[in-house]
C-alpha atoms as a PDB file:
ATOM      1  CA  MET A   1     -12.148  18.857 -13.648  1.00  0.00           C
ATOM      2  CA  LYS A   2     -11.000  15.977 -15.539  1.00  0.00           C
ATOM      3  CA  LEU A   3      -8.699  13.512 -14.420  1.00  0.00           C
ATOM      4  CA  LEU A   4      -5.996  11.399 -16.238  1.00  0.00           C
ATOM      5  CA  ILE A   5      -4.792   8.664 -14.025  1.00  0.00           C
ATOM      6  CA  VAL A   6      -1.695   6.416 -14.834  1.00  0.00           C
ATOM      7  CA  THR A   7      -1.028   3.528 -13.155  1.00  0.00           C
ATOM      8  CA  GLN A   8       0.703   0.104 -13.307  1.00  0.00           C
ATOM      9  CA  THR A   9      -2.102  -2.530 -12.647  1.00  0.00           C
ATOM     10  CA  LEU A  10      -6.052  -1.785 -12.875  1.00  0.00           C
ATOM     11  CA  ASP A  11      -7.363  -5.146 -11.444  1.00  0.00           C
ATOM     12  CA  LYS A  12      -9.658  -5.592  -8.962  1.00  0.00           C
ATOM     13  CA  ASN A  13      -8.487  -9.079  -8.250  1.00  0.00           C
ATOM     14  CA  ASP A  14      -4.740  -8.330  -7.924  1.00  0.00           C
ATOM     15  CA  PRO A  15      -3.324  -9.362  -4.539  1.00  0.00           C
ATOM     16  CA  THR A  16      -1.077  -6.426  -4.460  1.00  0.00           C
ATOM     17  CA  LEU A  17      -2.683  -3.755  -6.255  1.00  0.00           C
ATOM     18  CA  GLY A  18      -6.066  -4.586  -6.421  1.00  0.00           C
ATOM     19  CA  PHE A  19      -6.728  -1.729  -3.797  1.00  0.00           C
ATOM     20  CA  PHE A  20      -6.234   0.826  -6.462  1.00  0.00           C
ATOM     21  CA  HIS A  21      -9.666  -0.161  -8.232  1.00  0.00           C
ATOM     22  CA  GLU A  22     -11.466   1.618  -5.410  1.00  0.00           C
ATOM     23  CA  TRP A  23      -9.145   4.430  -5.514  1.00  0.00           C
ATOM     24  CA  VAL A  24     -10.330   4.975  -9.031  1.00  0.00           C
ATOM     25  CA  ARG A  25     -13.833   4.615  -7.838  1.00  0.00           C
ATOM     26  CA  ALA A  26     -13.561   7.447  -5.244  1.00  0.00           C
ATOM     27  CA  PHE A  27     -11.822   9.348  -7.757  1.00  0.00           C
ATOM     28  CA  SER A  28     -14.957   9.288 -10.029  1.00  0.00           C
ATOM     29  CA  GLU A  29     -17.067  10.588  -7.366  1.00  0.00           C
ATOM     30  CA  LYS A  30     -14.753  13.984  -7.027  1.00  0.00           C
ATOM     31  CA  PHE A  31     -14.032  14.371 -10.706  1.00  0.00           C
ATOM     32  CA  GLU A  32     -16.289  15.068 -13.662  1.00  0.00           C
ATOM     33  CA  THR A  33     -14.569  12.322 -15.728  1.00  0.00           C
ATOM     34  CA  VAL A  34     -11.727   9.587 -15.113  1.00  0.00           C
ATOM     35  CA  THR A  35      -9.571   8.311 -17.935  1.00  0.00           C
ATOM     36  CA  VAL A  36      -7.210   5.573 -16.850  1.00  0.00           C
ATOM     37  CA  ILE A  37      -4.143   4.250 -18.589  1.00  0.00           C
ATOM     38  CA  ALA A  38      -2.597   1.147 -17.210  1.00  0.00           C
ATOM     39  CA  LEU A  39       0.190  -0.836 -17.843  1.00  0.00           C
ATOM     40  CA  ASN A  40      -1.951  -3.919 -17.190  1.00  0.00           C
ATOM     41  CA  VAL A  41      -5.390  -4.235 -17.030  1.00  0.00           C
ATOM     42  CA  GLY A  42      -7.791  -7.016 -15.563  1.00  0.00           C
ATOM     43  CA  MET A  43     -11.151  -7.014 -13.852  1.00  0.00           C
ATOM     44  CA  HIS A  44     -12.811  -3.946 -13.594  1.00  0.00           C
ATOM     45  CA  THR A  45     -16.210  -2.695 -12.294  1.00  0.00           C
ATOM     46  CA  LEU A  46     -16.364   1.149 -12.382  1.00  0.00           C
ATOM     47  CA  PRO A  47     -18.897   3.983 -12.607  1.00  0.00           C
ATOM     48  CA  LYS A  48     -19.694   5.297 -16.402  1.00  0.00           C
ATOM     49  CA  ASN A  49     -17.931   8.321 -16.109  1.00  0.00           C
ATOM     50  CA  VAL A  50     -14.595   5.939 -15.862  1.00  0.00           C
ATOM     51  CA  TYR A  51     -12.750   5.195 -19.072  1.00  0.00           C
ATOM     52  CA  VAL A  52     -10.194   2.330 -19.029  1.00  0.00           C
ATOM     53  CA  HIS A  53      -7.065   2.167 -21.853  1.00  0.00           C
ATOM     54  CA  SER A  54      -4.409  -0.843 -21.535  1.00  0.00           C
ATOM     55  CA  LEU A  55      -0.842  -0.596 -22.532  1.00  0.00           C
ATOM     56  CA  GLY A  56      -1.417  -3.949 -23.075  1.00  0.00           C
ATOM     57  CA  LYS A  57       0.948  -5.882 -20.913  1.00  0.00           C
ATOM     58  CA  GLU A  58      -1.397  -8.526 -20.008  1.00  0.00           C
ATOM     59  CA  SER A  59      -2.018  -9.385 -23.719  1.00  0.00           C
ATOM     60  CA  GLY A  60       1.919  -9.502 -24.281  1.00  0.00           C
ATOM     61  CA  ALA A  61       2.847  -6.207 -25.695  1.00  0.00           C
ATOM     62  CA  GLY A  62       6.202  -5.403 -25.432  1.00  0.00           C
ATOM     63  CA  LYS A  63       8.105  -2.585 -23.985  1.00  0.00           C
ATOM     64  CA  GLU A  64       8.646  -0.611 -27.031  1.00  0.00           C
ATOM     65  CA  LEU A  65       5.175  -1.185 -27.888  1.00  0.00           C
ATOM     66  CA  ARG A  66       3.584  -0.129 -24.866  1.00  0.00           C
ATOM     67  CA  ILE A  67       6.094   3.274 -24.895  1.00  0.00           C
ATOM     68  CA  VAL A  68       4.561   4.157 -28.058  1.00  0.00           C
ATOM     69  CA  ARG A  69       0.823   3.287 -27.111  1.00  0.00           C
ATOM     70  CA  TYR A  70       1.301   5.424 -23.969  1.00  0.00           C
ATOM     71  CA  VAL A  71       2.871   8.803 -25.631  1.00  0.00           C
ATOM     72  CA  SER A  72       0.296   8.200 -28.419  1.00  0.00           C
ATOM     73  CA  LEU A  73      -3.011   8.084 -25.315  1.00  0.00           C
ATOM     74  CA  LEU A  74      -1.357  10.840 -23.732  1.00  0.00           C
ATOM     75  CA  TYR A  75      -1.793  13.049 -26.925  1.00  0.00           C
ATOM     76  CA  SER A  76      -4.956  11.763 -28.680  1.00  0.00           C
ATOM     77  CA  LEU A  77      -6.601  12.040 -25.353  1.00  0.00           C
ATOM     78  CA  ARG A  78      -5.154  15.521 -24.746  1.00  0.00           C
ATOM     79  CA  ASN A  79      -8.874  16.899 -24.647  1.00  0.00           C
ATOM     80  CA  GLU A  80     -10.371  14.171 -22.436  1.00  0.00           C
ATOM     81  CA  TYR A  81      -8.241  15.237 -18.865  1.00  0.00           C
ATOM     82  CA  THR A  82      -6.926  18.470 -17.391  1.00  0.00           C
ATOM     83  CA  HIS A  83      -5.305  17.146 -14.368  1.00  0.00           C
ATOM     84  CA  VAL A  84      -2.963  14.204 -14.055  1.00  0.00           C
ATOM     85  CA  PHE A  85      -2.270  11.518 -11.184  1.00  0.00           C
ATOM     86  CA  ALA A  86       0.655   9.221 -11.815  1.00  0.00           C
ATOM     87  CA  HIS A  87       0.921   6.649  -9.717  1.00  0.00           C
ATOM     88  CA  MET A  88       4.243   5.724  -7.893  1.00  0.00           C
ATOM     89  CA  ASN A  89       6.664   5.004 -11.293  1.00  0.00           C
ATOM     90  CA  PRO A  90       8.582   7.976 -11.932  1.00  0.00           C
ATOM     91  CA  GLU A  91       8.553   6.718 -15.641  1.00  0.00           C
ATOM     92  CA  TYR A  92       5.169   7.716 -16.098  1.00  0.00           C
ATOM     93  CA  VAL A  93       5.900  11.231 -15.306  1.00  0.00           C
ATOM     94  CA  ILE A  94       8.998  11.711 -17.350  1.00  0.00           C
ATOM     95  CA  GLY A  95       7.560  10.013 -20.340  1.00  0.00           C
ATOM     96  CA  GLY A  96       4.591  12.216 -20.411  1.00  0.00           C
ATOM     97  CA  GLY A  97       5.911  15.520 -18.344  1.00  0.00           C
ATOM     98  CA  VAL A  98       7.349  17.693 -20.992  1.00  0.00           C
ATOM     99  CA  LEU A  99       4.137  17.221 -22.987  1.00  0.00           C
ATOM    100  CA  TRP A 100       1.496  17.675 -20.096  1.00  0.00           C
ATOM    101  CA  ARG A 101       3.588  20.986 -19.411  1.00  0.00           C
ATOM    102  CA  LEU A 102       3.165  22.213 -22.752  1.00  0.00           C
ATOM    103  CA  LEU A 103      -0.308  21.095 -22.793  1.00  0.00           C
ATOM    104  CA  GLY A 104      -0.849  23.234 -19.628  1.00  0.00           C
ATOM    105  CA  LYS A 105      -2.007  19.969 -17.571  1.00  0.00           C
ATOM    106  CA  LYS A 106      -1.549  20.239 -13.588  1.00  0.00           C
ATOM    107  CA  ILE A 107       0.441  17.232 -12.830  1.00  0.00           C
ATOM    108  CA  GLY A 108       0.155  15.165  -9.653  1.00  0.00           C
ATOM    109  CA  PHE A 109       2.340  12.306  -8.934  1.00  0.00           C
ATOM    110  CA  TRP A 110       1.881   9.787  -6.055  1.00  0.00           C
ATOM    111  CA  TYR A 111       4.926   8.534  -4.363  1.00  0.00           C
ATOM    112  CA  VAL A 112       5.495   6.294  -1.291  1.00  0.00           C
ATOM    113  CA  HIS A 113       8.781   4.582  -1.056  1.00  0.00           C
ATOM    114  CA  GLY A 114      11.901   5.362   1.111  1.00  0.00           C
ATOM    115  CA  ALA A 115      14.182   5.097  -2.184  1.00  0.00           C
ATOM    116  CA  VAL A 116      15.537   8.270  -3.528  1.00  0.00           C
ATOM    117  CA  THR A 117      16.435   7.937  -7.162  1.00  0.00           C
ATOM    118  CA  LEU A 118      17.715  10.004 -10.286  1.00  0.00           C
ATOM    119  CA  ARG A 119      14.442   9.092 -11.877  1.00  0.00           C
ATOM    120  CA  LEU A 120      12.414  10.306  -8.764  1.00  0.00           C
ATOM    121  CA  ARG A 121      14.276  13.657  -8.675  1.00  0.00           C
ATOM    122  CA  LEU A 122      13.547  14.119 -12.239  1.00  0.00           C
ATOM    123  CA  ALA A 123       9.569  13.414 -11.966  1.00  0.00           C
ATOM    124  CA  ALA A 124       9.275  15.816  -8.656  1.00  0.00           C
ATOM    125  CA  LEU A 125      10.798  18.618 -10.863  1.00  0.00           C
ATOM    126  CA  LEU A 126       8.144  17.987 -13.868  1.00  0.00           C
ATOM    127  CA  ALA A 127       5.279  17.771 -11.715  1.00  0.00           C
ATOM    128  CA  ASN A 128       3.345  20.510  -9.868  1.00  0.00           C
ATOM    129  CA  ARG A 129       2.837  18.254  -6.675  1.00  0.00           C
ATOM    130  CA  VAL A 130       4.546  15.286  -5.351  1.00  0.00           C
ATOM    131  CA  PHE A 131       1.934  13.358  -3.220  1.00  0.00           C
ATOM    132  CA  THR A 132       3.223  11.090  -0.318  1.00  0.00           C
ATOM    133  CA  ALA A 133       1.803   9.617   2.781  1.00  0.00           C
ATOM    134  CA  SER A 134       4.280  10.832   5.302  1.00  0.00           C
ATOM    135  CA  ARG A 135       7.655  12.653   5.406  1.00  0.00           C
ATOM    136  CA  GLU A 136       9.718   9.473   5.616  1.00  0.00           C
ATOM    137  CA  SER A 137       7.582   7.940   2.430  1.00  0.00           C
ATOM    138  CA  CYS A 138       9.077  10.369   0.131  1.00  0.00           C
ATOM    139  CA  ARG A 139      12.884  11.698   1.065  1.00  0.00           C
ATOM    140  CA  ILE A 140      13.701  14.275  -1.556  1.00  0.00           C
ATOM    141  CA  LYS A 141      14.129  17.822  -0.670  1.00  0.00           C
ATOM    142  CA  ASN A 142      11.622  19.601  -2.682  1.00  0.00           C
ATOM    143  CA  THR A 143       8.981  22.291  -2.376  1.00  0.00           C
ATOM    144  CA  ASN A 144       6.559  20.169  -4.376  1.00  0.00           C
ATOM    145  CA  VAL A 145       6.377  17.235  -2.045  1.00  0.00           C
ATOM    146  CA  MET A 146       3.015  17.363  -0.003  1.00  0.00           C
ATOM    147  CA  VAL A 147       2.233  14.819   3.012  1.00  0.00           C
ATOM    148  CA  VAL A 148      -1.555  13.888   2.463  1.00  0.00           C
ATOM    149  CA  GLY A 149      -1.656  10.640   4.202  1.00  0.00           C
ATOM    150  CA  HIS A 150      -2.733   7.220   2.880  1.00  0.00           C
ATOM    151  CA  GLY A 151      -5.740   6.390   1.276  1.00  0.00           C
ATOM    152  CA  ILE A 152      -7.665   3.306   3.130  1.00  0.00           C
ATOM    153  CA  ASP A 153     -11.310   2.227   2.751  1.00  0.00           C
ATOM    154  CA  THR A 154     -12.024   2.549   6.502  1.00  0.00           C
ATOM    155  CA  GLU A 155     -15.762   1.011   5.520  1.00  0.00           C
ATOM    156  CA  LEU A 156     -14.088  -2.092   4.218  1.00  0.00           C
ATOM    157  CA  PHE A 157     -11.112  -2.304   6.578  1.00  0.00           C
ATOM    158  CA  ALA A 158     -13.378  -2.077  10.290  1.00  0.00           C
ATOM    159  CA  PRO A 159     -13.110  -3.885  12.871  1.00  0.00           C
ATOM    160  CA  LYS A 160     -14.840  -7.385  13.057  1.00  0.00           C
ATOM    161  CA  ARG A 161     -14.232 -10.113  15.582  1.00  0.00           C
ATOM    162  CA  ILE A 162     -14.259 -13.551  14.739  1.00  0.00           C
ATOM    163  CA  PRO A 163     -13.684 -15.999  17.735  1.00  0.00           C
ATOM    164  CA  HIS A 164     -10.293 -17.362  16.899  1.00  0.00           C
ATOM    165  CA  PRO A 165      -7.105 -18.350  19.333  1.00  0.00           C
ATOM    166  CA  PRO A 166      -4.180 -16.082  19.734  1.00  0.00           C
ATOM    167  CA  SER A 167      -3.176 -15.052  16.494  1.00  0.00           C
ATOM    168  CA  ILE A 168      -0.043 -12.807  14.803  1.00  0.00           C
ATOM    169  CA  VAL A 169      -0.161 -12.445  11.216  1.00  0.00           C
ATOM    170  CA  SER A 170       1.552 -10.680   8.380  1.00  0.00           C
ATOM    171  CA  VAL A 171       0.246  -9.987   5.121  1.00  0.00           C
ATOM    172  CA  GLY A 172       2.335  -9.035   1.811  1.00  0.00           C
ATOM    173  CA  ARG A 173       4.734  -9.843  -0.893  1.00  0.00           C
ATOM    174  CA  PHE A 174       7.349 -12.075   0.166  1.00  0.00           C
ATOM    175  CA  SER A 175      10.978 -10.229  -0.660  1.00  0.00           C
ATOM    176  CA  PRO A 176      14.094  -9.892   1.400  1.00  0.00           C
ATOM    177  CA  SER A 177      13.047  -6.163   2.382  1.00  0.00           C
ATOM    178  CA  LYS A 178       9.938  -7.736   4.736  1.00  0.00           C
ATOM    179  CA  LYS A 179      12.483  -9.679   6.789  1.00  0.00           C
ATOM    180  CA  LEU A 180      10.211 -12.595   6.987  1.00  0.00           C
ATOM    181  CA  GLU A 181      12.559 -14.620   8.678  1.00  0.00           C
ATOM    182  CA  LEU A 182      12.715 -12.165  11.555  1.00  0.00           C
ATOM    183  CA  LEU A 183       9.095 -12.396  11.713  1.00  0.00           C
ATOM    184  CA  ILE A 184       9.099 -16.310  11.892  1.00  0.00           C
ATOM    185  CA  ASP A 185      11.330 -16.177  14.436  1.00  0.00           C
ATOM    186  CA  ALA A 186       9.114 -13.974  16.675  1.00  0.00           C
ATOM    187  CA  MET A 187       6.319 -16.050  15.807  1.00  0.00           C
ATOM    188  CA  LYS A 188       8.084 -18.765  17.213  1.00  0.00           C
ATOM    189  CA  LEU A 189       9.008 -17.444  20.298  1.00  0.00           C
ATOM    190  CA  VAL A 190       5.464 -16.172  20.944  1.00  0.00           C
ATOM    191  CA  ARG A 191       3.943 -19.642  20.619  1.00  0.00           C
ATOM    192  CA  THR A 192       6.529 -20.995  23.047  1.00  0.00           C
ATOM    193  CA  GLN A 193       5.138 -18.682  25.655  1.00  0.00           C
ATOM    194  CA  ILE A 194       1.847 -18.736  24.795  1.00  0.00           C
ATOM    195  CA  PRO A 195       0.460 -22.302  24.190  1.00  0.00           C
ATOM    196  CA  GLY A 196      -2.211 -22.558  21.374  1.00  0.00           C
ATOM    197  CA  SER A 197      -1.136 -19.372  19.845  1.00  0.00           C
ATOM    198  CA  LEU A 198      -0.869 -19.086  15.979  1.00  0.00           C
ATOM    199  CA  GLY A 199       1.719 -17.624  13.587  1.00  0.00           C
ATOM    200  CA  ARG A 200       0.452 -16.928  10.016  1.00  0.00           C
ATOM    201  CA  LEU A 201       2.147 -15.586   6.957  1.00  0.00           C
ATOM    202  CA  VAL A 202      -0.261 -14.612   4.122  1.00  0.00           C
ATOM    203  CA  GLY A 203       1.321 -13.714   0.621  1.00  0.00           C
ATOM    204  CA  ASP A 204       3.511 -15.141  -1.878  1.00  0.00           C
ATOM    205  CA  VAL A 205       6.363 -14.021  -4.488  1.00  0.00           C
ATOM    206  CA  ALA A 206       5.755 -10.913  -6.232  1.00  0.00           C
ATOM    207  CA  THR A 207       8.778 -11.042  -8.685  1.00  0.00           C
ATOM    208  CA  PRO A 208      10.280 -13.927 -10.446  1.00  0.00           C
ATOM    209  CA  GLU A 209      13.921 -13.308  -8.921  1.00  0.00           C
ATOM    210  CA  ASN A 210      12.365 -13.399  -5.493  1.00  0.00           C
ATOM    211  CA  GLU A 211      11.342 -16.842  -6.231  1.00  0.00           C
ATOM    212  CA  SER A 212      14.262 -18.758  -4.348  1.00  0.00           C
ATOM    213  CA  TYR A 213      13.651 -16.693  -1.203  1.00  0.00           C
ATOM    214  CA  ALA A 214      10.408 -17.262  -0.929  1.00  0.00           C
ATOM    215  CA  GLU A 215      10.777 -20.842  -1.138  1.00  0.00           C
ATOM    216  CA  ARG A 216      13.385 -20.585   1.841  1.00  0.00           C
ATOM    217  CA  VAL A 217      10.877 -18.636   3.425  1.00  0.00           C
ATOM    218  CA  LYS A 218       8.086 -21.089   3.139  1.00  0.00           C
ATOM    219  CA  GLU A 219      10.729 -24.176   4.480  1.00  0.00           C
ATOM    220  CA  TYR A 220      11.799 -22.313   7.426  1.00  0.00           C
ATOM    221  CA  ALA A 221       8.014 -21.230   8.249  1.00  0.00           C
ATOM    222  CA  LYS A 222       7.042 -24.846   8.105  1.00  0.00           C
ATOM    223  CA  MET A 223      10.229 -25.947  10.812  1.00  0.00           C
ATOM    224  CA  ALA A 224       9.087 -23.075  13.136  1.00  0.00           C
ATOM    225  CA  GLY A 225       5.146 -24.200  13.017  1.00  0.00           C
ATOM    226  CA  VAL A 226       4.015 -20.839  11.395  1.00  0.00           C
ATOM    227  CA  SER A 227       1.620 -21.316   8.811  1.00  0.00           C
ATOM    228  CA  ILE A 228       1.817 -20.057   4.831  1.00  0.00           C
ATOM    229  CA  GLU A 229      -1.398 -18.871   3.444  1.00  0.00           C
ATOM    230  CA  LYS A 230      -1.762 -18.035  -0.038  1.00  0.00           C
ATOM    231  CA  PRO A 231      -2.291 -14.352  -1.031  1.00  0.00           C
ATOM    232  CA  VAL A 232      -6.435 -13.333  -1.303  1.00  0.00           C
ATOM    233  CA  LEU A 233      -7.891 -10.948  -3.047  1.00  0.00           C
ATOM    234  CA  HIS A 234      -7.809  -7.183  -1.878  1.00  0.00           C
ATOM    235  CA  SER A 235     -11.662  -7.421  -0.752  1.00  0.00           C
ATOM    236  CA  ASP A 236     -11.025 -10.604   1.254  1.00  0.00           C
ATOM    237  CA  VAL A 237      -8.110  -9.390   3.446  1.00  0.00           C
ATOM    238  CA  PRO A 238     -10.471  -8.064   5.910  1.00  0.00           C
ATOM    239  CA  ALA A 239     -11.585 -11.684   6.566  1.00  0.00           C
ATOM    240  CA  VAL A 240      -8.006 -12.617   7.360  1.00  0.00           C
ATOM    241  CA  LEU A 241      -7.509  -9.615   9.697  1.00  0.00           C
ATOM    242  CA  ALA A 242     -10.501 -10.580  11.640  1.00  0.00           C
ATOM    243  CA  LEU A 243      -8.898 -13.940  12.599  1.00  0.00           C
ATOM    244  CA  SER A 244      -6.055 -12.025  13.922  1.00  0.00           C
ATOM    245  CA  ASP A 245      -5.134  -9.711  16.697  1.00  0.00           C
ATOM    246  CA  ILE A 246      -1.419  -8.719  16.179  1.00  0.00           C
ATOM    247  CA  PHE A 247       0.255  -7.719  13.113  1.00  0.00           C
ATOM    248  CA  PHE A 248       3.646  -8.163  12.605  1.00  0.00           C
ATOM    249  CA  ASN A 249       5.913  -5.586   9.904  1.00  0.00           C
ATOM    250  CA  ALA A 250       9.670  -5.660   9.810  1.00  0.00           C
ATOM    251  CA  SER A 251       9.389  -3.920   6.225  1.00  0.00           C
ATOM    252  CA  GLN A 252      13.014  -2.245   5.377  1.00  0.00           C
ATOM    253  CA  THR A 253      11.218   0.104   2.475  1.00  0.00           C
ATOM    254  CA  ASN A 254      11.337   2.847   5.441  1.00  0.00           C
ATOM    255  CA  SER A 255       7.590   3.999   3.822  1.00  0.00           C
ATOM    256  CA  LEU A 256       4.271   3.746   5.274  1.00  0.00           C
ATOM    257  CA  ASP A 257       3.289   0.064   4.401  1.00  0.00           C
ATOM    258  CA  LYS A 258      -0.542   0.315   3.382  1.00  0.00           C
ATOM    259  CA  ALA A 259      -0.939  -3.500   4.942  1.00  0.00           C
ATOM    260  CA  VAL A 260      -0.032  -2.033   8.268  1.00  0.00           C
ATOM    261  CA  LEU A 261      -2.745   0.987   7.935  1.00  0.00           C
ATOM    262  CA  GLU A 262      -5.108  -1.487   6.532  1.00  0.00           C
ATOM    263  CA  ALA A 263      -4.485  -3.781  10.052  1.00  0.00           C
ATOM    264  CA  MET A 264      -4.823  -0.619  12.346  1.00  0.00           C
ATOM    265  CA  ALA A 265      -8.137   0.106  10.651  1.00  0.00           C
ATOM    266  CA  CYS A 266      -9.321  -3.328  11.532  1.00  0.00           C
ATOM    267  CA  GLY A 267      -8.159  -2.890  15.131  1.00  0.00           C
ATOM    268  CA  VAL A 268      -5.683  -5.097  14.792  1.00  0.00           C
ATOM    269  CA  VAL A 269      -2.610  -4.220  16.838  1.00  0.00           C
ATOM    270  CA  PRO A 270       0.996  -3.396  14.880  1.00  0.00           C
ATOM    271  CA  VAL A 271       4.213  -4.663  15.997  1.00  0.00           C
ATOM    272  CA  THR A 272       6.602  -2.788  13.557  1.00  0.00           C
ATOM    273  CA  SER A 273      10.354  -2.261  13.155  1.00  0.00           C
ATOM    274  CA  ASN A 274       9.803  -0.142  10.014  1.00  0.00           C
ATOM    275  CA  VAL A 275      11.113   3.444  11.050  1.00  0.00           C
ATOM    276  CA  ALA A 276       8.561   5.298   8.816  1.00  0.00           C
ATOM    277  CA  TYR A 277       5.944   4.451  11.755  1.00  0.00           C
ATOM    278  CA  LYS A 278       7.978   5.290  14.612  1.00  0.00           C
ATOM    279  CA  PRO A 279       6.349   8.640  15.233  1.00  0.00           C
ATOM    280  CA  MET A 280       3.059   7.398  14.748  1.00  0.00           C
ATOM    281  CA  LEU A 281       3.631   4.181  16.988  1.00  0.00           C
ATOM    282  CA  SER A 282       6.345   4.776  19.328  1.00  0.00           C
ATOM    283  CA  PRO A 283       3.925   6.625  21.811  1.00  0.00           C
ATOM    284  CA  LEU A 284       1.773   3.493  21.779  1.00  0.00           C
ATOM    285  CA  GLY A 285       4.985   1.072  22.313  1.00  0.00           C
ATOM    286  CA  LEU A 286       4.203  -0.449  19.029  1.00  0.00           C
ATOM    287  CA  PHE A 287       7.549   0.240  17.648  1.00  0.00           C
ATOM    288  CA  VAL A 288      10.203  -1.999  18.383  1.00  0.00           C
ATOM    289  CA  GLU A 289      14.058  -3.033  17.481  1.00  0.00           C
ATOM    290  CA  GLU A 290      14.438  -4.987  14.503  1.00  0.00           C
ATOM    291  CA  ASN A 291      15.358  -8.228  16.321  1.00  0.00           C
ATOM    292  CA  ALA A 292      12.920 -11.219  17.102  1.00  0.00           C
ATOM    293  CA  GLU A 293      13.114 -11.115  20.811  1.00  0.00           C
ATOM    294  CA  ALA A 294      11.546  -7.286  20.802  1.00  0.00           C
ATOM    295  CA  PHE A 295       9.001  -8.284  18.619  1.00  0.00           C
ATOM    296  CA  ALA A 296       7.780 -11.608  21.015  1.00  0.00           C
ATOM    297  CA  LYS A 297       8.386  -9.694  24.001  1.00  0.00           C
ATOM    298  CA  ARG A 298       5.693  -7.221  22.965  1.00  0.00           C
ATOM    299  CA  ALA A 299       3.299  -9.595  21.229  1.00  0.00           C
ATOM    300  CA  GLY A 300       3.290 -11.453  24.236  1.00  0.00           C
ATOM    301  CA  GLU A 301       2.407  -8.520  26.504  1.00  0.00           C
ATOM    302  CA  ILE A 302      -0.474  -7.395  24.078  1.00  0.00           C
ATOM    303  CA  LEU A 303      -1.995 -10.959  23.845  1.00  0.00           C
ATOM    304  CA  THR A 304      -2.353 -11.566  27.530  1.00  0.00           C
ATOM    305  CA  SER A 305      -4.311  -8.938  28.131  1.00  0.00           C
ATOM    306  CA  VAL A 306      -7.685  -8.703  26.729  1.00  0.00           C
ATOM    307  CA  ALA A 307      -7.740  -5.240  28.002  1.00  0.00           C
ATOM    308  CA  VAL A 308      -4.786  -3.510  26.563  1.00  0.00           C
ATOM    309  CA  ARG A 309      -5.258  -5.566  23.210  1.00  0.00           C
ATOM    310  CA  ASN A 310      -8.790  -3.715  22.988  1.00  0.00           C
ATOM    311  CA  GLU A 311      -7.435  -0.516  23.828  1.00  0.00           C
ATOM    312  CA  LEU A 312      -4.618  -0.302  21.584  1.00  0.00           C
ATOM    313  CA  GLY A 313      -7.199  -1.703  18.914  1.00  0.00           C
ATOM    314  CA  GLU A 314      -9.228   1.380  19.404  1.00  0.00           C
ATOM    315  CA  LYS A 315      -6.352   3.769  19.172  1.00  0.00           C
ATOM    316  CA  VAL A 316      -4.716   2.468  15.969  1.00  0.00           C
ATOM    317  CA  ARG A 317      -8.037   2.674  14.203  1.00  0.00           C
ATOM    318  CA  GLU A 318      -8.959   6.247  15.162  1.00  0.00           C
ATOM    319  CA  GLU A 319      -5.267   7.078  13.976  1.00  0.00           C
ATOM    320  CA  VAL A 320      -6.034   5.832  10.301  1.00  0.00           C
ATOM    321  CA  VAL A 321      -9.765   7.112  10.069  1.00  0.00           C
ATOM    322  CA  LYS A 322      -8.464  10.568  11.312  1.00  0.00           C
ATOM    323  CA  ASN A 323      -5.364  10.712   8.999  1.00  0.00           C
ATOM    324  CA  HIS A 324      -5.223   7.719   6.427  1.00  0.00           C
ATOM    325  CA  SER A 325      -9.180   7.474   5.064  1.00  0.00           C
ATOM    326  CA  SER A 326      -9.571   7.058   1.567  1.00  0.00           C
ATOM    327  CA  SER A 327     -12.447   9.962   1.797  1.00  0.00           C
ATOM    328  CA  ARG A 328     -10.286  12.293   3.636  1.00  0.00           C
ATOM    329  CA  LEU A 329      -7.385  11.850   1.047  1.00  0.00           C
ATOM    330  CA  MET A 330      -9.768  12.096  -2.073  1.00  0.00           C
ATOM    331  CA  SER A 331     -11.048  15.569  -0.505  1.00  0.00           C
ATOM    332  CA  VAL A 332      -7.458  16.591   0.142  1.00  0.00           C
ATOM    333  CA  LEU A 333      -6.375  15.649  -3.467  1.00  0.00           C
ATOM    334  CA  GLN A 334      -9.766  17.336  -4.952  1.00  0.00           C
ATOM    335  CA  SER A 335      -8.916  20.584  -2.753  1.00  0.00           C
ATOM    336  CA  VAL A 336      -4.993  20.597  -4.364  1.00  0.00           C
ATOM    337  CA  TYR A 337      -6.025  20.238  -7.864  1.00  0.00           C
ATOM    338  CA  GLU A 338      -8.589  22.714  -7.778  1.00  0.00           C
ATOM    339  CA  SER A 339      -5.722  25.199  -6.355  1.00  0.00           C
ATOM    340  CA  LEU A 340      -3.087  24.350  -8.846  1.00  0.00           C
END
């Protein structure tokens, strides 16, 4: 089998999408060749059987030119792939789906988000399979939807303890859907309950329209005594988590936030109000109501008991290794593609 991957960004140094570089590497171990078409291409170091093509966003190519390049590449490379893995954006499938169907290509579409749009519905009709991390992560009713878990590198994201004060962290982009003010309020409450404890936000604005929101968050955090740390390379996130005990997440995307799973893989205990995590984390008492008091109460209980913290850390890592490791995901996807 020869795989075509279509994605937004291929750049190992991208703070948000850097993880996908390792997904491509993992795919290369399962397929004869892997051809990547990316909207934006940056730093990458991949095996010899991986071939990378850019649509030119990093060099300033406009939208119209990128569309022409996209369709042209799909056709000119048609003999270089038998299967397709389109990552996240329905537009990739809408733009290439009819051609792929005519050429007899098997189409897999990865989608992890709570939003249901007309574009998603159309992409799902064109795809042979829609892959998603959990039932809550793709809410359309379509027989093509297949829950396969997430893909976390559990060797990179593994427990590593460095002595540190009691610490709560949240890692990710600054946007209103992340409810960062709530997390800051909760961290402030914990700091009053447990003197010497730390609250940390690691990240920054991802899109220009959220710049004013990010500035308000930074000022609010400063007043609350919560530190703001700049985004780090994806490969450096485990070092951030090694200095943390609890990971806060109040995301309203209603899908499995990858950053939470990465923290869990490192044995960092998540406390979240994200409904996508309710089935997984409610039995452990780690799913809470969406208010600062609930977050702070549960965090305080965990931080004041080393035994509880260690036990929960082991259990949440086991969950990721069992159901959300990248090695498991790639094996599942390979098996599905072979059956199409």
